[in-house]
């Protein structure tokens, strides 16, 4: 890869994002622009997948809102993502938890992970 592209990518990397894994429940504060106004919206859900690496890394979060499943994909290094906080550690034995889409209620939860 071109050295200039690498240098620009390294500057865009963020170090304020905490470590989180697949199955964790996270709360993401996203900057939303509506016309000329700007506000922050929280989105909390289970991490289904992580994809990519470096500047191009994204993660997919799912939550159920008013009985309807909502999934959003967030780039980790996006300036619109203000903060990411881990609210619950989950135990996952898969790299992608897409099977949670078909489950409802308690079956759609991941087991809690021991924090040691």
PDB file of N, CA and C in Angstrom:
ATOM      1  N   UNK A   1       0.851  -1.180   0.000  1.00  0.00           N
ATOM      2  CA  UNK A   1       0.000   0.000   0.000  1.00  0.00           C
ATOM      3  C   UNK A   1       0.896   1.242   0.000  1.00  0.00           C
ATOM      4  N   UNK A   2       0.400   2.285  -0.578  1.00  0.00           N
ATOM      5  CA  UNK A   2       1.134   3.524  -0.668  1.00  0.00           C
ATOM      6  C   UNK A   2       1.429   4.070   0.733  1.00  0.00           C
ATOM      7  N   UNK A   3       2.627   4.601   0.931  1.00  0.00           N
ATOM      8  CA  UNK A   3       3.035   5.122   2.247  1.00  0.00           C
ATOM      9  C   UNK A   3       2.199   6.328   2.662  1.00  0.00           C
ATOM     10  N   UNK A   4       1.791   7.149   1.711  1.00  0.00           N
ATOM     11  CA  UNK A   4       0.975   8.318   2.044  1.00  0.00           C
ATOM     12  C   UNK A   4      -0.408   7.900   2.545  1.00  0.00           C
ATOM     13  N   UNK A   5      -0.977   6.874   1.914  1.00  0.00           N
ATOM     14  CA  UNK A   5      -2.282   6.374   2.331  1.00  0.00           C
ATOM     15  C   UNK A   5      -2.185   5.789   3.733  1.00  0.00           C
ATOM     16  N   UNK A   6      -1.111   5.054   4.024  1.00  0.00           N
ATOM     17  CA  UNK A   6      -0.912   4.498   5.357  1.00  0.00           C
ATOM     18  C   UNK A   6      -0.804   5.599   6.402  1.00  0.00           C
ATOM     19  N   UNK A   7      -0.076   6.661   6.086  1.00  0.00           N
ATOM     20  CA  UNK A   7       0.115   7.761   7.037  1.00  0.00           C
ATOM     21  C   UNK A   7      -1.209   8.446   7.353  1.00  0.00           C
ATOM     22  N   UNK A   8      -2.039   8.642   6.341  1.00  0.00           N
ATOM     23  CA  UNK A   8      -3.342   9.271   6.561  1.00  0.00           C
ATOM     24  C   UNK A   8      -4.229   8.350   7.396  1.00  0.00           C
ATOM     25  N   UNK A   9      -4.180   7.044   7.134  1.00  0.00           N
ATOM     26  CA  UNK A   9      -4.970   6.085   7.890  1.00  0.00           C
ATOM     27  C   UNK A   9      -4.560   6.022   9.353  1.00  0.00           C
ATOM     28  N   UNK A  10      -3.282   6.107   9.626  1.00  0.00           N
ATOM     29  CA  UNK A  10      -2.802   6.069  11.012  1.00  0.00           C
ATOM     30  C   UNK A  10      -3.251   7.300  11.791  1.00  0.00           C
ATOM     31  N   UNK A  11      -3.339   8.429  11.133  1.00  0.00           N
ATOM     32  CA  UNK A  11      -3.800   9.654  11.818  1.00  0.00           C
ATOM     33  C   UNK A  11      -5.283   9.573  12.162  1.00  0.00           C
ATOM     34  N   UNK A  12      -6.054   8.838  11.351  1.00  0.00           N
ATOM     35  CA  UNK A  12      -7.499   8.744  11.574  1.00  0.00           C
ATOM     36  C   UNK A  12      -7.866   7.717  12.633  1.00  0.00           C
ATOM     37  N   UNK A  13      -6.927   6.845  13.036  1.00  0.00           N
ATOM     38  CA  UNK A  13      -7.228   5.838  14.051  1.00  0.00           C
ATOM     39  C   UNK A  13      -7.567   6.494  15.382  1.00  0.00           C
ATOM     40  N   UNK A  14      -8.518   5.894  16.100  1.00  0.00           N
ATOM     41  CA  UNK A  14      -8.940   6.428  17.396  1.00  0.00           C
ATOM     42  C   UNK A  14      -8.451   5.513  18.503  1.00  0.00           C
ATOM     43  N   UNK A  15      -8.060   6.116  19.617  1.00  0.00           N
ATOM     44  CA  UNK A  15      -7.602   5.326  20.752  1.00  0.00           C
ATOM     45  C   UNK A  15      -8.540   5.457  21.948  1.00  0.00           C
ATOM     46  N   UNK A  16      -9.652   6.178  21.782  1.00  0.00           N
ATOM     47  CA  UNK A  16     -10.589   6.371  22.888  1.00  0.00           C
ATOM     48  C   UNK A  16     -11.718   5.337  22.890  1.00  0.00           C
ATOM     49  N   UNK A  17     -11.706   4.390  21.961  1.00  0.00           N
ATOM     50  CA  UNK A  17     -12.732   3.351  21.894  1.00  0.00           C
ATOM     51  C   UNK A  17     -12.284   2.188  22.782  1.00  0.00           C
ATOM     52  N   UNK A  18     -13.124   1.743  23.737  1.00  0.00           N
ATOM     53  CA  UNK A  18     -12.719   0.649  24.620  1.00  0.00           C
ATOM     54  C   UNK A  18     -12.725  -0.696  23.891  1.00  0.00           C
ATOM     55  N   UNK A  19     -12.081  -1.680  24.500  1.00  0.00           N
ATOM     56  CA  UNK A  19     -12.075  -3.027  23.953  1.00  0.00           C
ATOM     57  C   UNK A  19     -13.457  -3.647  24.160  1.00  0.00           C
ATOM     58  N   UNK A  20     -14.032  -4.175  23.101  1.00  0.00           N
ATOM     59  CA  UNK A  20     -15.290  -4.902  23.203  1.00  0.00           C
ATOM     60  C   UNK A  20     -15.263  -6.034  22.200  1.00  0.00           C
ATOM     61  N   UNK A  21     -16.068  -7.059  22.477  1.00  0.00           N
ATOM     62  CA  UNK A  21     -16.044  -8.266  21.660  1.00  0.00           C
ATOM     63  C   UNK A  21     -17.450  -8.599  21.180  1.00  0.00           C
ATOM     64  N   UNK A  22     -17.532  -9.633  20.382  1.00  0.00           N
ATOM     65  CA  UNK A  22     -18.817 -10.113  19.890  1.00  0.00           C
ATOM     66  C   UNK A  22     -19.634 -10.615  21.084  1.00  0.00           C
ATOM     67  N   UNK A  23     -20.901 -10.265  21.130  1.00  0.00           N
ATOM     68  CA  UNK A  23     -21.766 -10.688  22.213  1.00  0.00           C
ATOM     69  C   UNK A  23     -21.895  -9.670  23.331  1.00  0.00           C
ATOM     70  N   UNK A  24     -21.017  -8.679  23.369  1.00  0.00           N
ATOM     71  CA  UNK A  24     -21.106  -7.638  24.387  1.00  0.00           C
ATOM     72  C   UNK A  24     -22.270  -6.709  24.091  1.00  0.00           C
ATOM     73  N   UNK A  25     -22.838  -6.124  25.136  1.00  0.00           N
ATOM     74  CA  UNK A  25     -23.859  -5.103  24.973  1.00  0.00           C
ATOM     75  C   UNK A  25     -23.172  -3.754  25.093  1.00  0.00           C
ATOM     76  N   UNK A  26     -23.310  -2.924  24.075  1.00  0.00           N
ATOM     77  CA  UNK A  26     -22.624  -1.637  24.054  1.00  0.00           C
ATOM     78  C   UNK A  26     -23.635  -0.509  23.867  1.00  0.00           C
ATOM     79  N   UNK A  27     -23.244   0.667  24.333  1.00  0.00           N
ATOM     80  CA  UNK A  27     -24.042   1.881  24.130  1.00  0.00           C
ATOM     81  C   UNK A  27     -23.180   2.835  23.308  1.00  0.00           C
ATOM     82  N   UNK A  28     -23.680   3.192  22.140  1.00  0.00           N
ATOM     83  CA  UNK A  28     -22.968   4.062  21.218  1.00  0.00           C
ATOM     84  C   UNK A  28     -23.676   5.407  21.175  1.00  0.00           C
ATOM     85  N   UNK A  29     -22.929   6.483  21.357  1.00  0.00           N
ATOM     86  CA  UNK A  29     -23.480   7.830  21.231  1.00  0.00           C
ATOM     87  C   UNK A  29     -23.095   8.348  19.850  1.00  0.00           C
ATOM     88  N   UNK A  30     -24.119   8.605  19.031  1.00  0.00           N
ATOM     89  CA  UNK A  30     -23.916   8.976  17.637  1.00  0.00           C
ATOM     90  C   UNK A  30     -24.376  10.414  17.424  1.00  0.00           C
ATOM     91  N   UNK A  31     -23.577  11.168  16.708  1.00  0.00           N
ATOM     92  CA  UNK A  31     -23.929  12.541  16.359  1.00  0.00           C
ATOM     93  C   UNK A  31     -24.839  12.505  15.142  1.00  0.00           C
ATOM     94  N   UNK A  32     -26.026  13.119  15.274  1.00  0.00           N
ATOM     95  CA  UNK A  32     -27.010  13.135  14.189  1.00  0.00           C
ATOM     96  C   UNK A  32     -27.270  14.580  13.802  1.00  0.00           C
ATOM     97  N   UNK A  33     -27.243  14.824  12.516  1.00  0.00           N
ATOM     98  CA  UNK A  33     -27.469  16.166  11.999  1.00  0.00           C
ATOM     99  C   UNK A  33     -28.842  16.199  11.335  1.00  0.00           C
ATOM    100  N   UNK A  34     -29.702  17.108  11.804  1.00  0.00           N
ATOM    101  CA  UNK A  34     -31.037  17.292  11.238  1.00  0.00           C
ATOM    102  C   UNK A  34     -31.147  18.726  10.766  1.00  0.00           C
ATOM    103  N   UNK A  35     -31.012  18.916   9.485  1.00  0.00           N
ATOM    104  CA  UNK A  35     -30.992  20.280   8.952  1.00  0.00           C
ATOM    105  C   UNK A  35     -29.731  20.984   9.411  1.00  0.00           C
ATOM    106  N   UNK A  36     -29.908  22.092  10.116  1.00  0.00           N
ATOM    107  CA  UNK A  36     -28.752  22.817  10.649  1.00  0.00           C
ATOM    108  C   UNK A  36     -28.481  22.460  12.101  1.00  0.00           C
ATOM    109  N   UNK A  37     -29.406  21.734  12.733  1.00  0.00           N
ATOM    110  CA  UNK A  37     -29.236  21.352  14.135  1.00  0.00           C
ATOM    111  C   UNK A  37     -28.453  20.053  14.240  1.00  0.00           C
ATOM    112  N   UNK A  38     -27.806  19.888  15.368  1.00  0.00           N
ATOM    113  CA  UNK A  38     -27.033  18.683  15.615  1.00  0.00           C
ATOM    114  C   UNK A  38     -27.346  18.185  17.024  1.00  0.00           C
ATOM    115  N   UNK A  39     -27.538  16.872  17.153  1.00  0.00           N
ATOM    116  CA  UNK A  39     -27.828  16.302  18.467  1.00  0.00           C
ATOM    117  C   UNK A  39     -27.137  14.959  18.583  1.00  0.00           C
ATOM    118  N   UNK A  40     -27.131  14.427  19.811  1.00  0.00           N
ATOM    119  CA  UNK A  40     -26.519  13.139  20.068  1.00  0.00           C
ATOM    120  C   UNK A  40     -27.602  12.131  20.409  1.00  0.00           C
ATOM    121  N   UNK A  41     -27.522  10.956  19.795  1.00  0.00           N
ATOM    122  CA  UNK A  41     -28.495   9.899  20.026  1.00  0.00           C
ATOM    123  C   UNK A  41     -27.759   8.643  20.509  1.00  0.00           C
ATOM    124  N   UNK A  42     -28.305   7.998  21.535  1.00  0.00           N
ATOM    125  CA  UNK A  42     -27.706   6.766  22.057  1.00  0.00           C
ATOM    126  C   UNK A  42     -28.368   5.563  21.394  1.00  0.00           C
ATOM    127  N   UNK A  43     -27.554   4.572  21.066  1.00  0.00           N
ATOM    128  CA  UNK A  43     -28.040   3.327  20.483  1.00  0.00           C
ATOM    129  C   UNK A  43     -27.394   2.200  21.278  1.00  0.00           C
ATOM    130  N   UNK A  44     -28.210   1.410  21.967  1.00  0.00           N
ATOM    131  CA  UNK A  44     -27.685   0.336  22.798  1.00  0.00           C
ATOM    132  C   UNK A  44     -28.173  -1.001  22.280  1.00  0.00           C
ATOM    133  N   UNK A  45     -27.251  -1.949  22.160  1.00  0.00           N
ATOM    134  CA  UNK A  45     -27.623  -3.268  21.684  1.00  0.00           C
ATOM    135  C   UNK A  45     -26.465  -4.238  21.765  1.00  0.00           C
ATOM    136  N   UNK A  46     -26.677  -5.435  21.230  1.00  0.00           N
ATOM    137  CA  UNK A  46     -25.689  -6.506  21.252  1.00  0.00           C
ATOM    138  C   UNK A  46     -24.838  -6.450  19.991  1.00  0.00           C
ATOM    139  N   UNK A  47     -23.541  -6.609  20.145  1.00  0.00           N
ATOM    140  CA  UNK A  47     -22.630  -6.621  19.005  1.00  0.00           C
ATOM    141  C   UNK A  47     -22.747  -7.972  18.309  1.00  0.00           C
ATOM    142  N   UNK A  48     -23.184  -7.941  17.055  1.00  0.00           N
ATOM    143  CA  UNK A  48     -23.338  -9.173  16.278  1.00  0.00           C
ATOM    144  C   UNK A  48     -22.075  -9.535  15.515  1.00  0.00           C
ATOM    145  N   UNK A  49     -21.346  -8.524  15.031  1.00  0.00           N
ATOM    146  CA  UNK A  49     -20.203  -8.811  14.173  1.00  0.00           C
ATOM    147  C   UNK A  49     -19.228  -7.649  14.187  1.00  0.00           C
ATOM    148  N   UNK A  50     -17.978  -7.982  13.939  1.00  0.00           N
ATOM    149  CA  UNK A  50     -16.938  -6.981  13.665  1.00  0.00           C
ATOM    150  C   UNK A  50     -16.315  -7.366  12.332  1.00  0.00           C
ATOM    151  N   UNK A  51     -15.969  -6.364  11.548  1.00  0.00           N
ATOM    152  CA  UNK A  51     -15.507  -6.629  10.197  1.00  0.00           C
ATOM    153  C   UNK A  51     -14.423  -5.620   9.829  1.00  0.00           C
ATOM    154  N   UNK A  52     -13.419  -6.056   9.115  1.00  0.00           N
ATOM    155  CA  UNK A  52     -12.376  -5.157   8.657  1.00  0.00           C
ATOM    156  C   UNK A  52     -11.290  -4.976   9.695  1.00  0.00           C
ATOM    157  N   UNK A  53     -10.370  -4.045   9.401  1.00  0.00           N
ATOM    158  CA  UNK A  53      -9.288  -3.750  10.327  1.00  0.00           C
ATOM    159  C   UNK A  53      -8.829  -2.322  10.102  1.00  0.00           C
ATOM    160  N   UNK A  54      -8.194  -1.779  11.098  1.00  0.00           N
ATOM    161  CA  UNK A  54      -7.648  -0.423  10.997  1.00  0.00           C
ATOM    162  C   UNK A  54      -8.738   0.612  10.854  1.00  0.00           C
ATOM    163  N   UNK A  55      -8.538   1.511   9.925  1.00  0.00           N
ATOM    164  CA  UNK A  55      -9.477   2.605   9.706  1.00  0.00           C
ATOM    165  C   UNK A  55     -10.803   2.104   9.145  1.00  0.00           C
ATOM    166  N   UNK A  56     -10.777   0.988   8.460  1.00  0.00           N
ATOM    167  CA  UNK A  56     -11.964   0.472   7.782  1.00  0.00           C
ATOM    168  C   UNK A  56     -12.786  -0.480   8.645  1.00  0.00           C
ATOM    169  N   UNK A  57     -12.461  -0.611   9.922  1.00  0.00           N
ATOM    170  CA  UNK A  57     -13.165  -1.564  10.774  1.00  0.00           C
ATOM    171  C   UNK A  57     -14.564  -1.062  11.111  1.00  0.00           C
ATOM    172  N   UNK A  58     -15.540  -1.975  11.044  1.00  0.00           N
ATOM    173  CA  UNK A  58     -16.925  -1.664  11.394  1.00  0.00           C
ATOM    174  C   UNK A  58     -17.445  -2.726  12.347  1.00  0.00           C
ATOM    175  N   UNK A  59     -18.514  -2.383  13.052  1.00  0.00           N
ATOM    176  CA  UNK A  59     -19.180  -3.354  13.908  1.00  0.00           C
ATOM    177  C   UNK A  59     -20.677  -3.176  13.778  1.00  0.00           C
ATOM    178  N   UNK A  60     -21.399  -4.306  13.883  1.00  0.00           N
ATOM    179  CA  UNK A  60     -22.841  -4.328  13.698  1.00  0.00           C
ATOM    180  C   UNK A  60     -23.505  -4.553  15.049  1.00  0.00           C
ATOM    181  N   UNK A  61     -24.475  -3.691  15.380  1.00  0.00           N
ATOM    182  CA  UNK A  61     -25.171  -3.746  16.668  1.00  0.00           C
ATOM    183  C   UNK A  61     -26.652  -3.953  16.409  1.00  0.00           C
ATOM    184  N   UNK A  62     -27.272  -4.822  17.223  1.00  0.00           N
ATOM    185  CA  UNK A  62     -28.697  -5.131  17.072  1.00  0.00           C
ATOM    186  C   UNK A  62     -29.419  -4.899  18.385  1.00  0.00           C
ATOM    187  N   UNK A  63     -30.596  -4.316  18.281  1.00  0.00           N
ATOM    188  CA  UNK A  63     -31.486  -4.180  19.429  1.00  0.00           C
ATOM    189  C   UNK A  63     -32.913  -4.353  18.946  1.00  0.00           C
ATOM    190  N   UNK A  64     -33.808  -4.627  19.882  1.00  0.00           N
ATOM    191  CA  UNK A  64     -35.222  -4.747  19.556  1.00  0.00           C
ATOM    192  C   UNK A  64     -35.915  -3.517  20.102  1.00  0.00           C
ATOM    193  N   UNK A  65     -36.525  -2.749  19.214  1.00  0.00           N
ATOM    194  CA  UNK A  65     -37.200  -1.516  19.581  1.00  0.00           C
ATOM    195  C   UNK A  65     -38.674  -1.636  19.214  1.00  0.00           C
ATOM    196  N   UNK A  66     -39.540  -1.619  20.221  1.00  0.00           N
ATOM    197  CA  UNK A  66     -40.986  -1.721  20.050  1.00  0.00           C
ATOM    198  C   UNK A  66     -41.370  -2.976  19.269  1.00  0.00           C
ATOM    199  N   UNK A  67     -40.677  -4.075  19.560  1.00  0.00           N
ATOM    200  CA  UNK A  67     -40.991  -5.346  18.939  1.00  0.00           C
ATOM    201  C   UNK A  67     -40.385  -5.562  17.567  1.00  0.00           C
ATOM    202  N   UNK A  68     -39.616  -4.609  17.079  1.00  0.00           N
ATOM    203  CA  UNK A  68     -39.003  -4.712  15.757  1.00  0.00           C
ATOM    204  C   UNK A  68     -37.487  -4.706  15.929  1.00  0.00           C
ATOM    205  N   UNK A  69     -36.809  -5.666  15.310  1.00  0.00           N
ATOM    206  CA  UNK A  69     -35.362  -5.724  15.379  1.00  0.00           C
ATOM    207  C   UNK A  69     -34.731  -4.644  14.520  1.00  0.00           C
ATOM    208  N   UNK A  70     -33.783  -3.914  15.112  1.00  0.00           N
ATOM    209  CA  UNK A  70     -33.091  -2.839  14.408  1.00  0.00           C
ATOM    210  C   UNK A  70     -31.595  -3.124  14.466  1.00  0.00           C
ATOM    211  N   UNK A  71     -30.943  -3.117  13.310  1.00  0.00           N
ATOM    212  CA  UNK A  71     -29.502  -3.321  13.236  1.00  0.00           C
ATOM    213  C   UNK A  71     -28.855  -2.109  12.590  1.00  0.00           C
ATOM    214  N   UNK A  72     -27.739  -1.695  13.169  1.00  0.00           N
ATOM    215  CA  UNK A  72     -26.980  -0.589  12.594  1.00  0.00           C
ATOM    216  C   UNK A  72     -25.519  -0.988  12.519  1.00  0.00           C
ATOM    217  N   UNK A  73     -24.855  -0.543  11.482  1.00  0.00           N
ATOM    218  CA  UNK A  73     -23.437  -0.772  11.309  1.00  0.00           C
ATOM    219  C   UNK A  73     -22.710   0.544  11.530  1.00  0.00           C
ATOM    220  N   UNK A  74     -21.705   0.514  12.408  1.00  0.00           N
ATOM    221  CA  UNK A  74     -20.964   1.717  12.758  1.00  0.00           C
ATOM    222  C   UNK A  74     -19.496   1.549  12.387  1.00  0.00           C
ATOM    223  N   UNK A  75     -18.908   2.526  11.705  1.00  0.00           N
ATOM    224  CA  UNK A  75     -17.454   2.523  11.533  1.00  0.00           C
ATOM    225  C   UNK A  75     -16.800   2.958  12.843  1.00  0.00           C
ATOM    226  N   UNK A  76     -15.773   2.256  13.268  1.00  0.00           N
ATOM    227  CA  UNK A  76     -15.142   2.570  14.550  1.00  0.00           C
ATOM    228  C   UNK A  76     -14.479   3.944  14.517  1.00  0.00           C
ATOM    229  N   UNK A  77     -13.863   4.302  13.411  1.00  0.00           N
ATOM    230  CA  UNK A  77     -13.108   5.551  13.336  1.00  0.00           C
ATOM    231  C   UNK A  77     -13.925   6.731  12.822  1.00  0.00           C
ATOM    232  N   UNK A  78     -15.242   6.596  12.763  1.00  0.00           N
ATOM    233  CA  UNK A  78     -16.078   7.676  12.254  1.00  0.00           C
ATOM    234  C   UNK A  78     -16.113   8.848  13.231  1.00  0.00           C
ATOM    235  N   UNK A  79     -16.036  10.084  12.741  1.00  0.00           N
ATOM    236  CA  UNK A  79     -16.168  11.232  13.637  1.00  0.00           C
ATOM    237  C   UNK A  79     -17.590  11.395  14.172  1.00  0.00           C
ATOM    238  N   UNK A  80     -18.579  10.736  13.547  1.00  0.00           N
ATOM    239  CA  UNK A  80     -19.952  10.801  14.033  1.00  0.00           C
ATOM    240  C   UNK A  80     -20.182   9.919  15.254  1.00  0.00           C
ATOM    241  N   UNK A  81     -19.312   8.944  15.490  1.00  0.00           N
ATOM    242  CA  UNK A  81     -19.398   8.117  16.691  1.00  0.00           C
ATOM    243  C   UNK A  81     -18.657   8.856  17.800  1.00  0.00           C
ATOM    244  N   UNK A  82     -19.414   9.410  18.750  1.00  0.00           N
ATOM    245  CA  UNK A  82     -18.789  10.191  19.806  1.00  0.00           C
ATOM    246  C   UNK A  82     -18.144   9.304  20.850  1.00  0.00           C
ATOM    247  N   UNK A  83     -18.879   8.274  21.312  1.00  0.00           N
ATOM    248  CA  UNK A  83     -18.311   7.406  22.332  1.00  0.00           C
ATOM    249  C   UNK A  83     -18.965   6.029  22.261  1.00  0.00           C
ATOM    250  N   UNK A  84     -18.226   5.055  22.757  1.00  0.00           N
ATOM    251  CA  UNK A  84     -18.711   3.685  22.847  1.00  0.00           C
ATOM    252  C   UNK A  84     -18.446   3.220  24.269  1.00  0.00           C
ATOM    253  N   UNK A  85     -19.473   2.709  24.914  1.00  0.00           N
ATOM    254  CA  UNK A  85     -19.315   2.192  26.270  1.00  0.00           C
ATOM    255  C   UNK A  85     -19.864   0.785  26.366  1.00  0.00           C
ATOM    256  N   UNK A  86     -19.147  -0.079  27.068  1.00  0.00           N
ATOM    257  CA  UNK A  86     -19.577  -1.460  27.250  1.00  0.00           C
ATOM    258  C   UNK A  86     -20.433  -1.521  28.507  1.00  0.00           C
ATOM    259  N   UNK A  87     -21.685  -1.950  28.377  1.00  0.00           N
ATOM    260  CA  UNK A  87     -22.573  -2.047  29.528  1.00  0.00           C
ATOM    261  C   UNK A  87     -22.636  -3.463  30.087  1.00  0.00           C
ATOM    262  N   UNK A  88     -22.349  -4.460  29.254  1.00  0.00           N
ATOM    263  CA  UNK A  88     -22.416  -5.855  29.696  1.00  0.00           C
ATOM    264  C   UNK A  88     -21.505  -6.697  28.819  1.00  0.00           C
ATOM    265  N   UNK A  89     -20.719  -7.558  29.445  1.00  0.00           N
ATOM    266  CA  UNK A  89     -19.853  -8.464  28.695  1.00  0.00           C
ATOM    267  C   UNK A  89     -20.618  -9.750  28.392  1.00  0.00           C
ATOM    268  N   UNK A  90     -20.553 -10.190  27.147  1.00  0.00           N
ATOM    269  CA  UNK A  90     -21.262 -11.395  26.749  1.00  0.00           C
ATOM    270  C   UNK A  90     -20.301 -12.477  26.291  1.00  0.00           C
ATOM    271  N   UNK A  91     -20.719 -13.716  26.434  1.00  0.00           N
ATOM    272  CA  UNK A  91     -19.896 -14.851  26.034  1.00  0.00           C
ATOM    273  C   UNK A  91     -20.397 -15.359  24.693  1.00  0.00           C
ATOM    274  N   UNK A  92     -19.517 -15.417  23.718  1.00  0.00           N
ATOM    275  CA  UNK A  92     -19.897 -15.882  22.385  1.00  0.00           C
ATOM    276  C   UNK A  92     -18.877 -16.919  21.916  1.00  0.00           C
ATOM    277  N   UNK A  93     -19.366 -17.949  21.263  1.00  0.00           N
ATOM    278  CA  UNK A  93     -18.493 -18.989  20.735  1.00  0.00           C
ATOM    279  C   UNK A  93     -18.444 -18.943  19.212  1.00  0.00           C
ATOM    280  N   UNK A  94     -18.920 -17.871  18.641  1.00  0.00           N
ATOM    281  CA  UNK A  94     -18.931 -17.670  17.192  1.00  0.00           C
ATOM    282  C   UNK A  94     -18.348 -16.299  16.885  1.00  0.00           C
ATOM    283  N   UNK A  95     -17.889 -16.136  15.659  1.00  0.00           N
ATOM    284  CA  UNK A  95     -17.377 -14.844  15.236  1.00  0.00           C
ATOM    285  C   UNK A  95     -18.506 -13.914  14.811  1.00  0.00           C
ATOM    286  N   UNK A  96     -19.599 -14.474  14.341  1.00  0.00           N
ATOM    287  CA  UNK A  96     -20.761 -13.694  13.925  1.00  0.00           C
ATOM    288  C   UNK A  96     -21.997 -14.286  14.594  1.00  0.00           C
ATOM    289  N   UNK A  97     -22.827 -13.437  15.171  1.00  0.00           N
ATOM    290  CA  UNK A  97     -24.010 -13.910  15.904  1.00  0.00           C
ATOM    291  C   UNK A  97     -25.297 -13.622  15.136  1.00  0.00           C
ATOM    292  N   UNK A  98     -25.288 -13.884  13.839  1.00  0.00           N
ATOM    293  CA  UNK A  98     -26.460 -13.605  13.018  1.00  0.00           C
ATOM    294  C   UNK A  98     -27.649 -14.498  13.380  1.00  0.00           C
ATOM    295  N   UNK A  99     -27.406 -15.607  14.054  1.00  0.00           N
ATOM    296  CA  UNK A  99     -28.506 -16.491  14.434  1.00  0.00           C
ATOM    297  C   UNK A  99     -29.418 -15.838  15.473  1.00  0.00           C
ATOM    298  N   UNK A 100     -28.986 -14.780  16.138  1.00  0.00           N
ATOM    299  CA  UNK A 100     -29.830 -14.089  17.109  1.00  0.00           C
ATOM    300  C   UNK A 100     -31.003 -13.378  16.437  1.00  0.00           C
ATOM    301  N   UNK A 101     -30.922 -13.167  15.135  1.00  0.00           N
ATOM    302  CA  UNK A 101     -32.014 -12.510  14.411  1.00  0.00           C
ATOM    303  C   UNK A 101     -33.303 -13.325  14.473  1.00  0.00           C
ATOM    304  N   UNK A 102     -33.176 -14.639  14.507  1.00  0.00           N
ATOM    305  CA  UNK A 102     -34.349 -15.517  14.497  1.00  0.00           C
ATOM    306  C   UNK A 102     -34.909 -15.782  15.885  1.00  0.00           C
ATOM    307  N   UNK A 103     -34.245 -15.288  16.918  1.00  0.00           N
ATOM    308  CA  UNK A 103     -34.664 -15.589  18.283  1.00  0.00           C
ATOM    309  C   UNK A 103     -35.360 -14.394  18.914  1.00  0.00           C
ATOM    310  N   UNK A 104     -36.251 -14.698  19.869  1.00  0.00           N
ATOM    311  CA  UNK A 104     -36.974 -13.640  20.567  1.00  0.00           C
ATOM    312  C   UNK A 104     -36.877 -13.870  22.066  1.00  0.00           C
ATOM    313  N   UNK A 105     -37.093 -12.826  22.830  1.00  0.00           N
ATOM    314  CA  UNK A 105     -37.118 -12.926  24.281  1.00  0.00           C
ATOM    315  C   UNK A 105     -35.764 -13.260  24.870  1.00  0.00           C
ATOM    316  N   UNK A 106     -35.775 -14.125  25.879  1.00  0.00           N
ATOM    317  CA  UNK A 106     -34.540 -14.499  26.562  1.00  0.00           C
ATOM    318  C   UNK A 106     -33.597 -15.286  25.671  1.00  0.00           C
ATOM    319  N   UNK A 107     -34.124 -15.978  24.681  1.00  0.00           N
ATOM    320  CA  UNK A 107     -33.277 -16.766  23.786  1.00  0.00           C
ATOM    321  C   UNK A 107     -32.376 -15.882  22.934  1.00  0.00           C
ATOM    322  N   UNK A 108     -32.705 -14.609  22.804  1.00  0.00           N
ATOM    323  CA  UNK A 108     -31.921 -13.693  21.989  1.00  0.00           C
ATOM    324  C   UNK A 108     -30.787 -13.051  22.782  1.00  0.00           C
ATOM    325  N   UNK A 109     -30.619 -13.434  24.043  1.00  0.00           N
ATOM    326  CA  UNK A 109     -29.550 -12.878  24.863  1.00  0.00           C
ATOM    327  C   UNK A 109     -28.329 -13.779  24.830  1.00  0.00           C
ATOM    328  N   UNK A 110     -27.172 -13.203  25.105  1.00  0.00           N
ATOM    329  CA  UNK A 110     -25.960 -13.984  25.244  1.00  0.00           C
ATOM    330  C   UNK A 110     -25.674 -14.191  26.716  1.00  0.00           C
ATOM    331  N   UNK A 111     -24.966 -15.242  27.042  1.00  0.00           N
ATOM    332  CA  UNK A 111     -24.602 -15.494  28.432  1.00  0.00           C
ATOM    333  C   UNK A 111     -23.594 -14.453  28.895  1.00  0.00           C
ATOM    334  N   UNK A 112     -23.596 -14.178  30.182  1.00  0.00           N
ATOM    335  CA  UNK A 112     -22.644 -13.216  30.738  1.00  0.00           C
ATOM    336  C   UNK A 112     -21.269 -13.848  30.830  1.00  0.00           C
ATOM    337  N   UNK A 113     -20.252 -13.042  30.554  1.00  0.00           N
ATOM    338  CA  UNK A 113     -18.883 -13.506  30.587  1.00  0.00           C
ATOM    339  C   UNK A 113     -18.264 -13.152  31.939  1.00  0.00           C
ATOM    340  N   UNK A 114     -17.430 -14.048  32.446  1.00  0.00           N
ATOM    341  CA  UNK A 114     -16.708 -13.763  33.689  1.00  0.00           C
ATOM    342  C   UNK A 114     -15.668 -12.690  33.421  1.00  0.00           C
ATOM    343  N   UNK A 115     -15.605 -11.703  34.284  1.00  0.00           N
ATOM    344  CA  UNK A 115     -14.609 -10.629  34.143  1.00  0.00           C
ATOM    345  C   UNK A 115     -13.521 -10.898  35.178  1.00  0.00           C
ATOM    346  N   UNK A 116     -12.382 -11.282  34.691  1.00  0.00           N
ATOM    347  CA  UNK A 116     -11.264 -11.563  35.594  1.00  0.00           C
ATOM    348  C   UNK A 116     -10.081 -10.726  35.263  1.00  0.00           C
TER     349      UNK A 116
END
